[in-house]
């Protein structure tokens, strides 16, 4: 394997591209989530009630 440097560089480049794709996808999903509004409004009613109880207890 005389061309190990070329293979290593190719691999490093492709890994970097994959990481950028994953980071972009995560950012897109975060933006979509935030655009939907208040997160607590989207929780099931039971979870909202539990969250409200926790806020009341900790206050």
N, C-alpha and C. Protein backbone atom coordinates (compact mmCIF):
# COMPACT_ATOMS: atom_id res chain seq x y z
N UNK A 1 0.82 -1.18 0.00
CA UNK A 1 0.00 0.00 0.00
C UNK A 1 0.87 1.25 0.00
N UNK A 2 1.39 1.59 -1.13
CA UNK A 2 2.22 2.78 -1.25
C UNK A 2 1.40 4.06 -1.22
N UNK A 3 0.13 3.97 -1.58
CA UNK A 3 -0.69 5.17 -1.64
C UNK A 3 -1.56 5.36 -0.39
N UNK A 4 -1.03 4.95 0.78
CA UNK A 4 -1.80 5.05 2.01
C UNK A 4 -2.14 6.51 2.34
N UNK A 5 -1.23 7.43 1.99
CA UNK A 5 -1.51 8.84 2.27
C UNK A 5 -2.72 9.32 1.48
N UNK A 6 -2.81 8.91 0.24
CA UNK A 6 -3.95 9.30 -0.59
C UNK A 6 -5.24 8.72 -0.02
N UNK A 7 -5.19 7.46 0.40
CA UNK A 7 -6.38 6.84 0.98
C UNK A 7 -6.77 7.54 2.28
N UNK A 8 -5.80 7.86 3.12
CA UNK A 8 -6.07 8.54 4.39
C UNK A 8 -6.68 9.91 4.14
N UNK A 9 -6.13 10.66 3.21
CA UNK A 9 -6.66 11.99 2.90
C UNK A 9 -8.07 11.90 2.35
N UNK A 10 -8.31 10.92 1.51
CA UNK A 10 -9.65 10.72 0.96
C UNK A 10 -10.63 10.41 2.09
N UNK A 11 -10.25 9.50 2.96
CA UNK A 11 -11.11 9.14 4.08
C UNK A 11 -11.39 10.35 4.97
N UNK A 12 -10.37 11.10 5.32
CA UNK A 12 -10.53 12.27 6.17
C UNK A 12 -11.48 13.28 5.53
N UNK A 13 -11.34 13.48 4.23
CA UNK A 13 -12.19 14.42 3.51
C UNK A 13 -13.65 13.95 3.53
N UNK A 14 -13.88 12.68 3.29
CA UNK A 14 -15.24 12.15 3.27
C UNK A 14 -15.87 12.17 4.66
N UNK A 15 -15.09 11.91 5.70
CA UNK A 15 -15.60 11.97 7.07
C UNK A 15 -16.00 13.40 7.40
N UNK A 16 -15.19 14.36 6.99
CA UNK A 16 -15.50 15.77 7.22
C UNK A 16 -16.81 16.15 6.53
N UNK A 17 -17.01 15.69 5.30
CA UNK A 17 -18.25 15.98 4.58
C UNK A 17 -19.45 15.38 5.31
N UNK A 18 -19.29 14.15 5.80
CA UNK A 18 -20.38 13.49 6.52
C UNK A 18 -20.72 14.25 7.80
N UNK A 19 -19.72 14.72 8.51
CA UNK A 19 -19.95 15.47 9.74
C UNK A 19 -20.69 16.77 9.45
N UNK A 20 -20.31 17.44 8.38
CA UNK A 20 -20.99 18.68 8.02
C UNK A 20 -22.46 18.44 7.67
N UNK A 21 -22.72 17.34 6.99
CA UNK A 21 -24.10 16.99 6.63
C UNK A 21 -24.92 16.74 7.89
N UNK A 22 -24.35 16.00 8.85
CA UNK A 22 -25.07 15.70 10.08
C UNK A 22 -25.32 16.95 10.92
N UNK A 23 -24.34 17.82 11.01
CA UNK A 23 -24.50 19.06 11.77
C UNK A 23 -25.57 19.93 11.12
N UNK A 24 -25.56 20.02 9.82
CA UNK A 24 -26.56 20.82 9.09
C UNK A 24 -27.96 20.25 9.32
N UNK A 25 -28.09 18.93 9.28
CA UNK A 25 -29.39 18.31 9.51
C UNK A 25 -29.89 18.60 10.92
N UNK A 26 -29.00 18.53 11.89
CA UNK A 26 -29.38 18.82 13.27
C UNK A 26 -29.83 20.28 13.40
N UNK A 27 -29.09 21.19 12.81
CA UNK A 27 -29.45 22.61 12.87
C UNK A 27 -30.79 22.86 12.19
N UNK A 28 -31.01 22.23 11.06
CA UNK A 28 -32.29 22.38 10.36
C UNK A 28 -33.44 21.91 11.24
N UNK A 29 -33.27 20.77 11.89
CA UNK A 29 -34.33 20.24 12.75
C UNK A 29 -34.57 21.14 13.95
N UNK A 30 -33.50 21.69 14.52
CA UNK A 30 -33.66 22.61 15.65
C UNK A 30 -34.43 23.85 15.22
N UNK A 31 -34.13 24.37 14.05
CA UNK A 31 -34.83 25.54 13.53
C UNK A 31 -36.31 25.22 13.27
N UNK A 32 -36.58 24.03 12.73
CA UNK A 32 -37.96 23.62 12.50
C UNK A 32 -38.71 23.53 13.82
N UNK A 33 -38.08 22.97 14.83
CA UNK A 33 -38.70 22.81 16.14
C UNK A 33 -39.01 24.18 16.74
N UNK A 34 -38.04 25.08 16.68
CA UNK A 34 -38.24 26.41 17.25
C UNK A 34 -39.30 27.19 16.50
N UNK A 35 -39.40 26.96 15.21
CA UNK A 35 -40.40 27.67 14.40
C UNK A 35 -41.82 27.23 14.74
N UNK A 36 -41.96 26.08 15.35
CA UNK A 36 -43.29 25.56 15.70
C UNK A 36 -43.88 26.26 16.92
N UNK A 37 -43.07 27.00 17.64
CA UNK A 37 -43.60 27.74 18.79
C UNK A 37 -43.10 27.17 20.10
N UNK A 38 -43.79 27.53 21.16
CA UNK A 38 -43.42 27.13 22.51
C UNK A 38 -43.46 25.62 22.65
N UNK A 39 -42.39 25.04 23.12
CA UNK A 39 -42.28 23.59 23.25
C UNK A 39 -43.29 23.03 24.23
N UNK A 40 -43.56 23.75 25.31
CA UNK A 40 -44.48 23.24 26.31
C UNK A 40 -45.89 23.12 25.77
N UNK A 41 -46.26 23.98 24.84
CA UNK A 41 -47.59 23.90 24.25
C UNK A 41 -47.78 22.60 23.46
N UNK A 42 -46.68 22.00 23.02
CA UNK A 42 -46.78 20.81 22.18
C UNK A 42 -46.73 19.53 23.00
N UNK A 43 -46.52 19.63 24.30
CA UNK A 43 -46.48 18.46 25.15
C UNK A 43 -47.90 17.95 25.39
N UNK A 44 -48.05 16.64 25.61
CA UNK A 44 -49.37 16.13 25.97
C UNK A 44 -49.86 16.80 27.25
N UNK A 45 -51.16 16.91 27.41
CA UNK A 45 -51.75 17.62 28.55
C UNK A 45 -51.22 17.08 29.88
N UNK A 46 -51.06 15.75 30.02
CA UNK A 46 -50.58 15.17 31.27
C UNK A 46 -49.17 15.69 31.58
N UNK A 47 -48.34 15.76 30.58
CA UNK A 47 -46.97 16.23 30.78
C UNK A 47 -46.97 17.71 31.14
N UNK A 48 -47.85 18.49 30.53
CA UNK A 48 -47.95 19.91 30.88
C UNK A 48 -48.33 20.08 32.34
N UNK A 49 -49.28 19.26 32.81
CA UNK A 49 -49.70 19.35 34.20
C UNK A 49 -48.56 18.99 35.15
N UNK A 50 -47.80 17.94 34.81
CA UNK A 50 -46.66 17.54 35.64
C UNK A 50 -45.61 18.64 35.66
N UNK A 51 -45.37 19.25 34.52
CA UNK A 51 -44.40 20.34 34.45
C UNK A 51 -44.84 21.51 35.31
N UNK A 52 -46.12 21.82 35.26
CA UNK A 52 -46.65 22.94 36.06
C UNK A 52 -46.52 22.63 37.54
N UNK A 53 -46.79 21.38 37.95
CA UNK A 53 -46.64 20.98 39.35
C UNK A 53 -45.19 21.14 39.79
N UNK A 54 -44.25 20.73 38.96
CA UNK A 54 -42.84 20.83 39.29
C UNK A 54 -42.44 22.29 39.46
N UNK A 55 -42.96 23.16 38.61
CA UNK A 55 -42.64 24.58 38.72
C UNK A 55 -43.19 25.15 40.02
N UNK A 56 -44.39 24.72 40.39
CA UNK A 56 -45.02 25.20 41.61
C UNK A 56 -44.25 24.73 42.85
N UNK A 57 -43.81 23.49 42.85
CA UNK A 57 -43.07 22.92 43.99
C UNK A 57 -41.72 23.59 44.14
N UNK A 58 -41.04 23.84 43.03
CA UNK A 58 -39.69 24.41 43.11
C UNK A 58 -39.70 25.92 43.38
N UNK A 59 -40.86 26.56 43.22
CA UNK A 59 -40.93 28.02 43.43
C UNK A 59 -41.01 28.40 44.88
